[in-house]
Amino acid sequence: MGDMGITDAPAPARPEGERVAKRIARAGVCSRRDAEKLIAAGRVAVNGTTITSPALNVTPSDVIAVDGEALSTPERARLFRLHKVKGRITTARDPEGRPTIFDDLPPGLPRLITVGRLDFNTEGLLLLTNDGELAHALELPATGWMRRYRVRAYGPVEAAALARLARGITLEGIDYGPVEAKLDSRTGANAWLDIGIREGKNREVRKILAHLGLTVSRLIRVAFGPFQLGSLAPGDIEEVPRKVLLEQCGHLMGDEGKEPPPTGTARARPRPPRHGHGKGRPSGGRPPGGKSARGSHANRRGPS
């Protein structure tokens, strides 16, 4: 010890491993936030001991169990595009017994989590991944990715009102960020709009347009950041090629150097048409941009 009471002892080593909630998320069970809720509820055990605090680091040698079931070894991150059809929720289970997107997924897929949510009556592009950490990162507004929608709405459309949305808007005490809004076409009392948002708050597009006096009759997400709905048919799911995943999301992942997995398209098995919707495609009006609203899809979670 020196005159100033300073020792030459080394600083304490940083805890090894990673937070237990992060490990659960990487295993594809749920997001890190939901993993913390599972821990607080006493549903997680590490090496046979139930824990109630997420402030615990674990290593590969630790055995983690959720609801008594041991976690499998985390797989490398994979990302899928799903063309969600109208009349499905995006959570794994629904207290009301409504059908979920997971009911229609083909066999052979990993356990999947949705990246964000689309509500029951919204169609279009939904990203799914087997990595909860990646899902969380892609959902954050800080990622800067634009969510783009084609919207059919009923009512008068004022160009000036759409332009003002670029400054953002506050509704019922909730602040919504800048919105890109453009009128594409009119057919009688209906109009097709192109909408772009970066946050994806609950029912954001519908609430903002309702404030402008417009009633949304069809809402289709056509893009999430660099990923497009494209020509993927309603109910189809397609894996994003490994090369593309690493190019677009590699900075958010820790497994860039791994060999890419095989890619391809799997056809989901949709339920019989419901409420007049043939083959999962919502009825009413021409497709966005005069083209078929066909796209791609993947696995788990809720609305936008």
Protein backbone atom coordinates (compact mmCIF):
# COMPACT_ATOMS: atom_id res chain seq x y z
CA MET A 1 0.00 0.00 0.00
CA GLY A 2 1.36 3.48 -0.87
CA ASP A 3 1.23 6.73 1.08
CA MET A 4 -2.14 7.66 -0.44
CA GLY A 5 -3.78 4.42 0.62
CA ILE A 6 -3.74 3.10 -2.98
CA THR A 7 -2.98 -0.57 -3.52
CA ASP A 8 -1.57 -2.30 -6.56
CA ALA A 9 -4.21 -5.04 -6.39
CA PRO A 10 -5.86 -5.76 -9.76
CA ALA A 11 -9.36 -4.46 -10.38
CA PRO A 12 -12.14 -7.00 -9.86
CA ALA A 13 -12.77 -9.05 -12.96
CA ARG A 14 -15.94 -8.33 -14.88
CA PRO A 15 -18.58 -11.02 -14.48
CA GLU A 16 -18.22 -13.78 -17.02
CA GLY A 17 -20.91 -14.76 -19.46
CA GLU A 18 -24.06 -12.81 -20.23
CA ARG A 19 -27.24 -11.78 -18.48
CA VAL A 20 -29.67 -14.63 -18.01
CA ALA A 21 -32.51 -12.74 -19.73
CA LYS A 22 -30.31 -12.22 -22.76
CA ARG A 23 -29.54 -15.93 -22.93
CA ILE A 24 -33.26 -16.75 -22.80
CA ALA A 25 -33.93 -14.26 -25.59
CA ARG A 26 -31.14 -15.66 -27.76
CA ALA A 27 -32.67 -19.12 -27.37
CA GLY A 28 -35.81 -17.78 -29.05
CA VAL A 29 -38.13 -18.20 -26.07
CA CYS A 30 -39.20 -14.55 -26.00
CA SER A 31 -37.80 -11.04 -26.02
CA ARG A 32 -35.38 -9.94 -23.30
CA ARG A 33 -38.08 -7.78 -21.75
CA ASP A 34 -40.49 -10.71 -21.57
CA ALA A 35 -37.69 -12.91 -20.21
CA GLU A 36 -37.27 -10.47 -17.33
CA LYS A 37 -41.00 -10.81 -16.61
CA LEU A 38 -40.66 -14.61 -16.56
CA ILE A 39 -37.80 -14.28 -14.09
CA ALA A 40 -39.76 -11.92 -11.83
CA ALA A 41 -42.65 -14.40 -11.87
CA GLY A 42 -40.37 -17.18 -10.59
CA ARG A 43 -40.63 -19.22 -13.78
CA VAL A 44 -36.88 -19.43 -14.45
CA ALA A 45 -34.33 -21.65 -12.72
CA VAL A 46 -30.54 -21.67 -13.08
CA ASN A 47 -28.79 -24.89 -12.14
CA GLY A 48 -31.93 -26.04 -10.36
CA THR A 49 -32.44 -22.87 -8.30
CA THR A 50 -35.38 -20.57 -9.03
CA ILE A 51 -34.35 -16.95 -9.55
CA THR A 52 -36.44 -13.78 -9.31
CA SER A 53 -33.89 -11.16 -10.36
CA PRO A 54 -32.45 -10.72 -13.87
CA ALA A 55 -29.21 -9.37 -12.37
CA LEU A 56 -27.40 -12.65 -12.91
CA ASN A 57 -24.74 -13.58 -15.44
CA VAL A 58 -24.65 -17.11 -16.81
CA THR A 59 -22.05 -19.04 -18.77
CA PRO A 60 -22.46 -21.83 -21.34
CA SER A 61 -22.00 -24.40 -18.56
CA ASP A 62 -25.04 -23.16 -16.63
CA VAL A 63 -28.33 -25.02 -17.07
CA ILE A 64 -31.27 -22.65 -17.51
CA ALA A 65 -34.87 -23.84 -17.40
CA VAL A 66 -38.09 -21.96 -18.15
CA ASP A 67 -41.22 -23.52 -16.68
CA GLY A 68 -39.18 -26.62 -15.96
CA GLU A 69 -37.96 -27.04 -19.54
CA ALA A 70 -34.23 -26.67 -20.14
CA LEU A 71 -33.16 -24.20 -22.82
CA SER A 72 -31.67 -25.64 -25.94
CA THR A 73 -28.33 -24.37 -27.20
CA PRO A 74 -28.93 -21.07 -29.04
CA GLU A 75 -28.91 -21.44 -32.81
CA ARG A 76 -27.39 -18.86 -35.09
CA ALA A 77 -29.76 -16.01 -35.83
CA ARG A 78 -32.22 -16.48 -38.66
CA LEU A 79 -34.76 -14.05 -40.09
CA PHE A 80 -37.96 -14.76 -42.02
CA ARG A 81 -40.43 -12.65 -44.00
CA LEU A 82 -44.08 -13.54 -43.60
CA HIS A 83 -47.04 -12.22 -45.56
CA LYS A 84 -49.54 -11.95 -42.75
CA VAL A 85 -53.14 -12.31 -43.80
CA LYS A 86 -56.05 -10.40 -42.34
CA GLY A 87 -57.83 -12.13 -39.47
CA ARG A 88 -54.80 -13.35 -37.53
CA ILE A 89 -53.19 -12.08 -34.35
CA THR A 90 -49.43 -12.11 -33.97
CA THR A 91 -49.14 -13.36 -30.41
CA ALA A 92 -48.61 -17.05 -29.72
CA ARG A 93 -51.88 -17.37 -27.79
CA ASP A 94 -55.07 -15.38 -27.60
CA PRO A 95 -57.45 -15.33 -24.59
CA GLU A 96 -60.34 -14.81 -27.02
CA GLY A 97 -59.41 -17.90 -29.01
CA ARG A 98 -58.79 -16.05 -32.26
CA PRO A 99 -56.49 -17.67 -34.84
CA THR A 100 -52.82 -16.69 -34.72
CA ILE A 101 -50.16 -16.56 -37.40
CA PHE A 102 -48.51 -19.53 -35.72
CA ASP A 103 -51.50 -21.75 -36.47
CA ASP A 104 -50.67 -21.58 -40.17
CA LEU A 105 -46.89 -21.96 -40.16
CA PRO A 106 -45.46 -25.01 -41.90
CA PRO A 107 -43.56 -27.66 -39.93
CA GLY A 108 -39.80 -27.64 -39.65
CA LEU A 109 -39.33 -24.01 -38.65
CA PRO A 110 -37.39 -23.02 -35.53
CA ARG A 111 -39.12 -21.41 -32.57
CA LEU A 112 -39.89 -17.91 -33.84
CA ILE A 113 -40.62 -14.49 -32.39
CA THR A 114 -42.21 -11.62 -34.27
CA VAL A 115 -40.34 -8.39 -34.85
CA GLY A 116 -42.95 -5.90 -33.71
CA ARG A 117 -46.64 -6.45 -34.25
CA LEU A 118 -49.43 -6.16 -36.77
CA ASP A 119 -52.97 -6.00 -35.50
CA PHE A 120 -55.75 -8.46 -36.29
CA ASN A 121 -56.98 -6.63 -39.39
CA THR A 122 -53.62 -5.52 -40.78
CA GLU A 123 -51.98 -7.42 -43.63
CA GLY A 124 -48.56 -7.57 -45.15
CA LEU A 125 -44.95 -7.92 -44.15
CA LEU A 126 -44.13 -9.33 -40.74
CA LEU A 127 -40.56 -10.25 -39.82
CA LEU A 128 -39.87 -13.21 -37.56
CA THR A 129 -36.65 -14.44 -36.02
CA ASN A 130 -35.41 -17.19 -33.74
CA ASP A 131 -33.29 -14.65 -31.82
CA GLY A 132 -35.04 -12.49 -29.24
CA GLU A 133 -32.09 -10.11 -29.02
CA LEU A 134 -32.21 -9.47 -32.76
CA ALA A 135 -35.98 -8.97 -32.61
CA HIS A 136 -35.58 -6.39 -29.87
CA ALA A 137 -32.85 -4.54 -31.76
CA LEU A 138 -34.88 -4.37 -34.97
CA GLU A 139 -37.95 -3.04 -33.14
CA LEU A 140 -36.15 -0.06 -31.62
CA PRO A 141 -36.85 3.32 -33.25
CA ALA A 142 -33.13 4.02 -32.78
CA THR A 143 -32.45 1.52 -35.56
CA GLY A 144 -33.92 4.16 -37.84
CA TRP A 145 -35.78 1.79 -40.13
CA MET A 146 -38.91 3.03 -41.86
CA ARG A 147 -42.09 0.96 -41.75
CA ARG A 148 -44.02 1.58 -44.97
CA TYR A 149 -47.72 0.97 -45.50
CA ARG A 150 -50.28 1.11 -48.29
CA VAL A 151 -53.54 2.36 -46.85
CA ARG A 152 -57.04 2.48 -48.28
CA ALA A 153 -59.12 5.03 -46.43
CA TYR A 154 -62.58 6.51 -46.71
CA GLY A 155 -63.13 10.23 -46.39
CA PRO A 156 -61.80 13.58 -47.59
CA VAL A 157 -58.02 13.77 -48.00
CA GLU A 158 -56.36 17.16 -47.59
CA ALA A 159 -52.81 17.45 -48.88
CA ALA A 160 -52.00 20.15 -46.32
CA ALA A 161 -53.11 17.92 -43.44
CA LEU A 162 -50.94 15.07 -44.72
CA ALA A 163 -47.97 17.42 -45.05
CA ARG A 164 -48.33 18.59 -41.44
CA LEU A 165 -47.79 15.03 -40.23
CA ALA A 166 -44.12 15.41 -41.15
CA ARG A 167 -43.76 17.47 -37.96
CA GLY A 168 -45.18 14.70 -35.80
CA ILE A 169 -48.42 14.82 -33.85
CA THR A 170 -49.69 14.39 -30.29
CA LEU A 171 -52.94 12.48 -29.76
CA GLU A 172 -54.50 11.80 -26.36
CA GLY A 173 -51.23 12.63 -24.66
CA ILE A 174 -49.15 10.31 -26.84
CA ASP A 175 -46.43 11.80 -29.02
CA TYR A 176 -46.03 10.33 -32.48
CA GLY A 177 -42.91 11.07 -34.48
CA PRO A 178 -42.72 12.44 -38.03
CA VAL A 179 -44.96 10.63 -40.52
CA GLU A 180 -44.41 10.46 -44.26
CA ALA A 181 -47.87 10.63 -45.84
CA LYS A 182 -48.72 10.95 -49.52
CA LEU A 183 -51.92 10.60 -51.52
CA ASP A 184 -51.48 8.04 -54.28
CA SER A 185 -54.91 7.84 -55.91
CA ARG A 186 -58.65 8.31 -55.43
CA THR A 187 -61.56 6.10 -56.44
CA GLY A 188 -64.86 7.69 -55.51
CA ALA A 189 -64.88 8.30 -51.77
CA ASN A 190 -61.90 5.99 -51.23
CA ALA A 191 -58.25 6.96 -51.43
CA TRP A 192 -55.00 5.02 -51.45
CA LEU A 193 -52.25 6.55 -49.31
CA ASP A 194 -48.57 5.77 -48.85
CA ILE A 195 -47.57 6.07 -45.18
CA GLY A 196 -44.13 5.79 -43.58
CA ILE A 197 -43.43 5.69 -39.82
CA ARG A 198 -40.35 4.84 -37.76
CA GLU A 199 -41.85 3.94 -34.38
CA GLY A 200 -44.72 1.53 -34.93
CA LYS A 201 -46.73 2.37 -31.81
CA ASN A 202 -49.96 0.49 -31.19
CA ARG A 203 -52.44 1.18 -34.03
CA GLU A 204 -50.45 4.29 -34.91
CA VAL A 205 -51.49 4.59 -38.55
CA ARG A 206 -55.18 4.05 -37.84
CA LYS A 207 -55.23 6.55 -34.97
CA ILE A 208 -53.42 9.27 -36.91
CA LEU A 209 -55.66 8.94 -39.96
CA ALA A 210 -58.78 8.84 -37.77
CA HIS A 211 -57.65 12.18 -36.34
CA LEU A 212 -57.70 13.51 -39.91
CA GLY A 213 -61.25 12.25 -40.40
CA LEU A 214 -60.28 9.19 -42.42
CA THR A 215 -61.54 5.67 -41.82
CA VAL A 216 -59.02 2.96 -42.69
CA SER A 217 -60.60 0.05 -44.57
CA ARG A 218 -57.40 -1.73 -45.55
CA LEU A 219 -53.88 -1.51 -44.12
CA ILE A 220 -50.97 -3.35 -45.71
CA ARG A 221 -47.37 -3.15 -44.54
CA VAL A 222 -45.16 -3.32 -47.62
CA ALA A 223 -41.72 -2.74 -46.11
CA PHE A 224 -39.82 -2.86 -42.83
CA GLY A 225 -36.48 -1.12 -43.32
CA PRO A 226 -34.66 -2.79 -46.23
CA PHE A 227 -36.97 -5.81 -46.23
CA GLN A 228 -39.83 -5.72 -48.72
CA LEU A 229 -43.13 -7.57 -48.99
CA GLY A 230 -42.38 -8.02 -52.66
CA SER A 231 -44.18 -10.81 -54.51
CA LEU A 232 -44.54 -13.22 -51.61
CA ALA A 233 -48.09 -14.59 -51.64
CA PRO A 234 -50.47 -14.20 -48.69
CA GLY A 235 -49.71 -16.93 -46.17
CA ASP A 236 -46.21 -17.62 -47.52
CA ILE A 237 -43.08 -17.48 -45.41
CA GLU A 238 -39.56 -17.08 -46.75
CA GLU A 239 -36.21 -17.08 -45.01
CA VAL A 240 -33.96 -14.08 -45.62
CA PRO A 241 -30.72 -15.35 -47.22
CA ARG A 242 -27.84 -15.45 -44.78
CA LYS A 243 -25.76 -13.06 -46.87
CA VAL A 244 -28.55 -10.46 -46.87
CA LEU A 245 -29.16 -10.92 -43.16
CA LEU A 246 -25.51 -10.24 -42.37
CA GLU A 247 -25.34 -7.27 -44.73
CA GLN A 248 -28.38 -5.59 -43.20
CA CYS A 249 -28.27 -6.76 -39.58
CA GLY A 250 -24.71 -7.97 -39.01
CA HIS A 251 -23.89 -5.02 -36.76
CA LEU A 252 -26.69 -6.20 -34.44
CA MET A 253 -25.55 -9.82 -34.33
CA GLY A 254 -22.65 -11.74 -32.89
CA ASP A 255 -22.43 -14.59 -35.37
CA GLU A 256 -21.47 -12.93 -38.65
CA GLY A 257 -18.76 -15.45 -39.49
CA LYS A 258 -20.97 -18.52 -39.54
CA GLU A 259 -21.79 -20.45 -42.69
CA PRO A 260 -25.11 -19.33 -44.24
CA PRO A 261 -28.05 -21.70 -43.84
CA PRO A 262 -30.05 -22.99 -46.81
CA THR A 263 -32.77 -20.65 -48.01
CA GLY A 264 -36.11 -21.16 -49.64
CA THR A 265 -39.82 -20.64 -49.47
CA ALA A 266 -42.23 -22.69 -47.40
CA ARG A 267 -45.95 -22.59 -48.00
CA ALA A 268 -48.07 -22.18 -44.90
CA ARG A 269 -51.38 -23.95 -44.61
CA PRO A 270 -54.04 -21.24 -44.23
CA ARG A 271 -57.33 -21.97 -42.59
CA PRO A 272 -60.49 -21.95 -44.70
CA PRO A 273 -61.47 -18.43 -45.84
CA ARG A 274 -63.12 -16.41 -43.09
CA HIS A 275 -65.56 -13.51 -43.33
CA GLY A 276 -65.47 -13.46 -47.11
CA HIS A 277 -61.68 -13.39 -47.43
CA GLY A 278 -60.62 -15.73 -50.20
CA LYS A 279 -57.39 -17.59 -49.53
CA GLY A 280 -56.43 -15.23 -46.77
CA ARG A 281 -56.46 -12.14 -48.98
CA PRO A 282 -58.66 -9.37 -47.61
CA SER A 283 -61.50 -8.41 -49.90
CA GLY A 284 -62.38 -5.03 -51.22
CA GLY A 285 -60.76 -2.75 -53.75
CA ARG A 286 -57.82 -2.96 -56.06
CA PRO A 287 -54.48 -4.12 -54.72
CA PRO A 288 -52.03 -1.41 -53.64
CA GLY A 289 -50.34 0.31 -56.53
CA GLY A 290 -52.39 -1.79 -58.93
CA LYS A 291 -50.33 -4.83 -57.98
CA SER A 292 -51.13 -7.91 -56.01
CA ALA A 293 -50.39 -7.42 -52.30
CA ARG A 294 -48.24 -10.49 -52.10
CA GLY A 295 -45.39 -10.94 -49.69
CA SER A 296 -43.55 -13.08 -47.16
CA HIS A 297 -43.85 -14.17 -43.49
CA ALA A 298 -42.49 -15.61 -40.23
CA ASN A 299 -43.25 -16.31 -36.50
CA ARG A 300 -44.45 -14.85 -33.15
CA ARG A 301 -45.96 -11.71 -31.45
CA GLY A 302 -48.55 -8.70 -31.54
CA PRO A 303 -50.16 -5.43 -33.37
CA SER A 304 -49.11 -2.13 -35.05
